[in-house]
Amino acid sequence: MIVKFTSPEEFCQEIEKDANAKAIGRGIVRCTIRHATSRLSPMILHVDAIATYSVGGQIIKLDHYCGDIWQLNTDDDKKVFDKAKACLSSVEEKCKALDLQVRSGILEEGY
């Protein structure tokens, strides 16, 4: 089962509750920026900030949409990446304050 958040603030509140209960698996939170090709055009990429951790076999996930990039190296593309980086930076700061380890990647349910 996955518990999904779209708000970084709500996700960070959940991390704090679980960290205080010493419930976060191995004390690790995984963070990454995901790019997914748009169905409208292969030139457009959807960008999401993703963070995950486990609690008692359950995955807690932040999936925060940050915008679309058109791969033209424009200021607009940079703003989207900056938004994703800022989102994950806030998660990483919360983890550091709670003495949690941040690693790359995404936790997913097993097959």
C-alpha atoms as a PDB file:
ATOM      1  CA  MET A   1       0.000   0.000   0.000  1.00  0.00           C
ATOM      2  CA  ILE A   2       1.173   3.536  -0.788  1.00  0.00           C
ATOM      3  CA  VAL A   3       0.165   6.687   1.072  1.00  0.00           C
ATOM      4  CA  LYS A   4       0.578   9.540  -1.418  1.00  0.00           C
ATOM      5  CA  PHE A   5       1.062  13.261  -0.798  1.00  0.00           C
ATOM      6  CA  THR A   6       1.237  16.063  -3.358  1.00  0.00           C
ATOM      7  CA  SER A   7       2.048  18.811  -0.846  1.00  0.00           C
ATOM      8  CA  PRO A   8       5.678  18.984   0.324  1.00  0.00           C
ATOM      9  CA  GLU A   9       4.542  20.650   3.558  1.00  0.00           C
ATOM     10  CA  GLU A  10       2.124  17.830   4.417  1.00  0.00           C
ATOM     11  CA  PHE A  11       4.752  15.236   3.496  1.00  0.00           C
ATOM     12  CA  CYS A  12       7.274  16.906   5.817  1.00  0.00           C
ATOM     13  CA  GLN A  13       4.709  16.915   8.636  1.00  0.00           C
ATOM     14  CA  GLU A  14       4.247  13.175   8.092  1.00  0.00           C
ATOM     15  CA  ILE A  15       8.023  12.603   8.116  1.00  0.00           C
ATOM     16  CA  GLU A  16       8.269  14.408  11.440  1.00  0.00           C
ATOM     17  CA  LYS A  17       5.502  12.317  13.023  1.00  0.00           C
ATOM     18  CA  ASP A  18       7.034   9.064  11.783  1.00  0.00           C
ATOM     19  CA  ALA A  19      10.596  10.078  12.730  1.00  0.00           C
ATOM     20  CA  ASN A  20       9.478  10.999  16.248  1.00  0.00           C
ATOM     21  CA  ALA A  21       7.871   7.563  16.523  1.00  0.00           C
ATOM     22  CA  LYS A  22      11.154   6.010  15.255  1.00  0.00           C
ATOM     23  CA  ALA A  23       9.102   4.311  12.552  1.00  0.00           C
ATOM     24  CA  ILE A  24      10.999   5.202   9.341  1.00  0.00           C
ATOM     25  CA  GLY A  25      12.567   2.091   7.833  1.00  0.00           C
ATOM     26  CA  ARG A  26      16.373   2.152   8.334  1.00  0.00           C
ATOM     27  CA  GLY A  27      16.079   5.943   8.847  1.00  0.00           C
ATOM     28  CA  ILE A  28      16.272   6.486   5.070  1.00  0.00           C
ATOM     29  CA  VAL A  29      14.241   8.854   2.880  1.00  0.00           C
ATOM     30  CA  ARG A  30      14.753   8.557  -0.887  1.00  0.00           C
ATOM     31  CA  CYS A  31      14.525  11.665  -3.119  1.00  0.00           C
ATOM     32  CA  THR A  32      14.747  12.191  -6.871  1.00  0.00           C
ATOM     33  CA  ILE A  33      13.496  14.313  -9.757  1.00  0.00           C
ATOM     34  CA  ARG A  34      11.458  12.320 -12.277  1.00  0.00           C
ATOM     35  CA  HIS A  35      11.001  13.266 -15.943  1.00  0.00           C
ATOM     36  CA  ALA A  36       8.146  11.683 -17.876  1.00  0.00           C
ATOM     37  CA  THR A  37       7.457  12.157 -21.575  1.00  0.00           C
ATOM     38  CA  SER A  38       4.171  13.872 -22.358  1.00  0.00           C
ATOM     39  CA  ARG A  39       1.563  11.997 -24.359  1.00  0.00           C
ATOM     40  CA  LEU A  40       1.083  15.153 -26.442  1.00  0.00           C
ATOM     41  CA  SER A  41       4.663  15.491 -27.672  1.00  0.00           C
ATOM     42  CA  PRO A  42       7.978  13.739 -27.062  1.00  0.00           C
ATOM     43  CA  MET A  43       9.542  17.200 -26.771  1.00  0.00           C
ATOM     44  CA  ILE A  44       7.570  17.950 -23.591  1.00  0.00           C
ATOM     45  CA  LEU A  45       8.683  16.434 -20.294  1.00  0.00           C
ATOM     46  CA  HIS A  46       6.618  16.479 -17.105  1.00  0.00           C
ATOM     47  CA  VAL A  47       8.821  17.091 -14.065  1.00  0.00           C
ATOM     48  CA  ASP A  48       7.961  15.812 -10.582  1.00  0.00           C
ATOM     49  CA  ALA A  49       9.799  15.940  -7.261  1.00  0.00           C
ATOM     50  CA  ILE A  50       9.528  12.483  -5.684  1.00  0.00           C
ATOM     51  CA  ALA A  51      10.373  11.465  -2.121  1.00  0.00           C
ATOM     52  CA  THR A  52       9.616   8.117  -0.484  1.00  0.00           C
ATOM     53  CA  TYR A  53      10.210   6.232   2.745  1.00  0.00           C
ATOM     54  CA  SER A  54       8.784   3.133   4.409  1.00  0.00           C
ATOM     55  CA  VAL A  55       6.898   2.652   7.638  1.00  0.00           C
ATOM     56  CA  GLY A  56       5.976  -0.884   8.661  1.00  0.00           C
ATOM     57  CA  GLY A  57       5.963  -2.157   5.078  1.00  0.00           C
ATOM     58  CA  GLN A  58       3.898   0.788   3.861  1.00  0.00           C
ATOM     59  CA  ILE A  59       5.374   3.321   1.417  1.00  0.00           C
ATOM     60  CA  ILE A  60       4.886   7.015   2.127  1.00  0.00           C
ATOM     61  CA  LYS A  61       5.338   9.037  -1.073  1.00  0.00           C
ATOM     62  CA  LEU A  62       5.544  12.668  -2.112  1.00  0.00           C
ATOM     63  CA  ASP A  63       4.722  13.110  -5.814  1.00  0.00           C
ATOM     64  CA  HIS A  64       4.844  16.875  -6.394  1.00  0.00           C
ATOM     65  CA  TYR A  65       4.260  18.110  -9.960  1.00  0.00           C
ATOM     66  CA  CYS A  66       6.680  20.957 -10.726  1.00  0.00           C
ATOM     67  CA  GLY A  67       5.815  21.782 -14.336  1.00  0.00           C
ATOM     68  CA  ASP A  68       6.671  20.925 -17.928  1.00  0.00           C
ATOM     69  CA  ILE A  69       9.880  21.538 -19.804  1.00  0.00           C
ATOM     70  CA  TRP A  70      10.165  21.886 -23.550  1.00  0.00           C
ATOM     71  CA  GLN A  71      13.881  21.003 -23.697  1.00  0.00           C
ATOM     72  CA  LEU A  72      14.831  24.314 -25.257  1.00  0.00           C
ATOM     73  CA  ASN A  73      17.164  25.428 -22.443  1.00  0.00           C
ATOM     74  CA  THR A  74      14.971  28.435 -21.777  1.00  0.00           C
ATOM     75  CA  ASP A  75      14.524  30.294 -18.522  1.00  0.00           C
ATOM     76  CA  ASP A  76      11.124  28.627 -18.178  1.00  0.00           C
ATOM     77  CA  ASP A  77      12.733  25.171 -18.227  1.00  0.00           C
ATOM     78  CA  LYS A  78      15.221  26.295 -15.577  1.00  0.00           C
ATOM     79  CA  LYS A  79      12.388  27.564 -13.369  1.00  0.00           C
ATOM     80  CA  VAL A  80      10.753  24.130 -13.443  1.00  0.00           C
ATOM     81  CA  PHE A  81      13.975  22.398 -12.413  1.00  0.00           C
ATOM     82  CA  ASP A  82      14.594  25.044  -9.745  1.00  0.00           C
ATOM     83  CA  LYS A  83      11.113  24.395  -8.346  1.00  0.00           C
ATOM     84  CA  ALA A  84      11.798  20.641  -8.191  1.00  0.00           C
ATOM     85  CA  LYS A  85      15.168  21.204  -6.521  1.00  0.00           C
ATOM     86  CA  ALA A  86      13.632  23.595  -3.985  1.00  0.00           C
ATOM     87  CA  CYS A  87      10.920  21.089  -3.159  1.00  0.00           C
ATOM     88  CA  LEU A  88      13.435  18.322  -2.502  1.00  0.00           C
ATOM     89  CA  SER A  89      15.693  20.717  -0.629  1.00  0.00           C
ATOM     90  CA  SER A  90      12.887  21.389   1.856  1.00  0.00           C
ATOM     91  CA  VAL A  91      12.443  17.630   2.348  1.00  0.00           C
ATOM     92  CA  GLU A  92      16.201  17.146   2.777  1.00  0.00           C
ATOM     93  CA  GLU A  93      16.382  19.973   5.346  1.00  0.00           C
ATOM     94  CA  LYS A  94      13.558  18.384   7.342  1.00  0.00           C
ATOM     95  CA  CYS A  95      15.325  15.015   7.193  1.00  0.00           C
ATOM     96  CA  LYS A  96      18.614  16.522   8.345  1.00  0.00           C
ATOM     97  CA  ALA A  97      16.866  18.186  11.298  1.00  0.00           C
ATOM     98  CA  LEU A  98      15.374  14.805  12.230  1.00  0.00           C
ATOM     99  CA  ASP A  99      18.689  12.941  11.818  1.00  0.00           C
ATOM    100  CA  LEU A 100      17.407  10.935   8.839  1.00  0.00           C
ATOM    101  CA  GLN A 101      19.567   9.843   5.932  1.00  0.00           C
ATOM    102  CA  VAL A 102      18.653  11.047   2.416  1.00  0.00           C
ATOM    103  CA  ARG A 103      19.499   8.834  -0.547  1.00  0.00           C
ATOM    104  CA  SER A 104      18.653   8.850  -4.237  1.00  0.00           C
ATOM    105  CA  GLY A 105      15.909   6.753  -5.796  1.00  0.00           C
ATOM    106  CA  ILE A 106      12.284   5.836  -5.314  1.00  0.00           C
ATOM    107  CA  LEU A 107      10.788   3.102  -3.128  1.00  0.00           C
ATOM    108  CA  GLU A 108       8.179   1.099  -5.043  1.00  0.00           C
ATOM    109  CA  GLU A 109       5.909  -1.769  -4.155  1.00  0.00           C
ATOM    110  CA  GLY A 110       7.285  -5.205  -4.981  1.00  0.00           C
ATOM    111  CA  TYR A 111       6.037  -7.200  -7.908  1.00  0.00           C
END
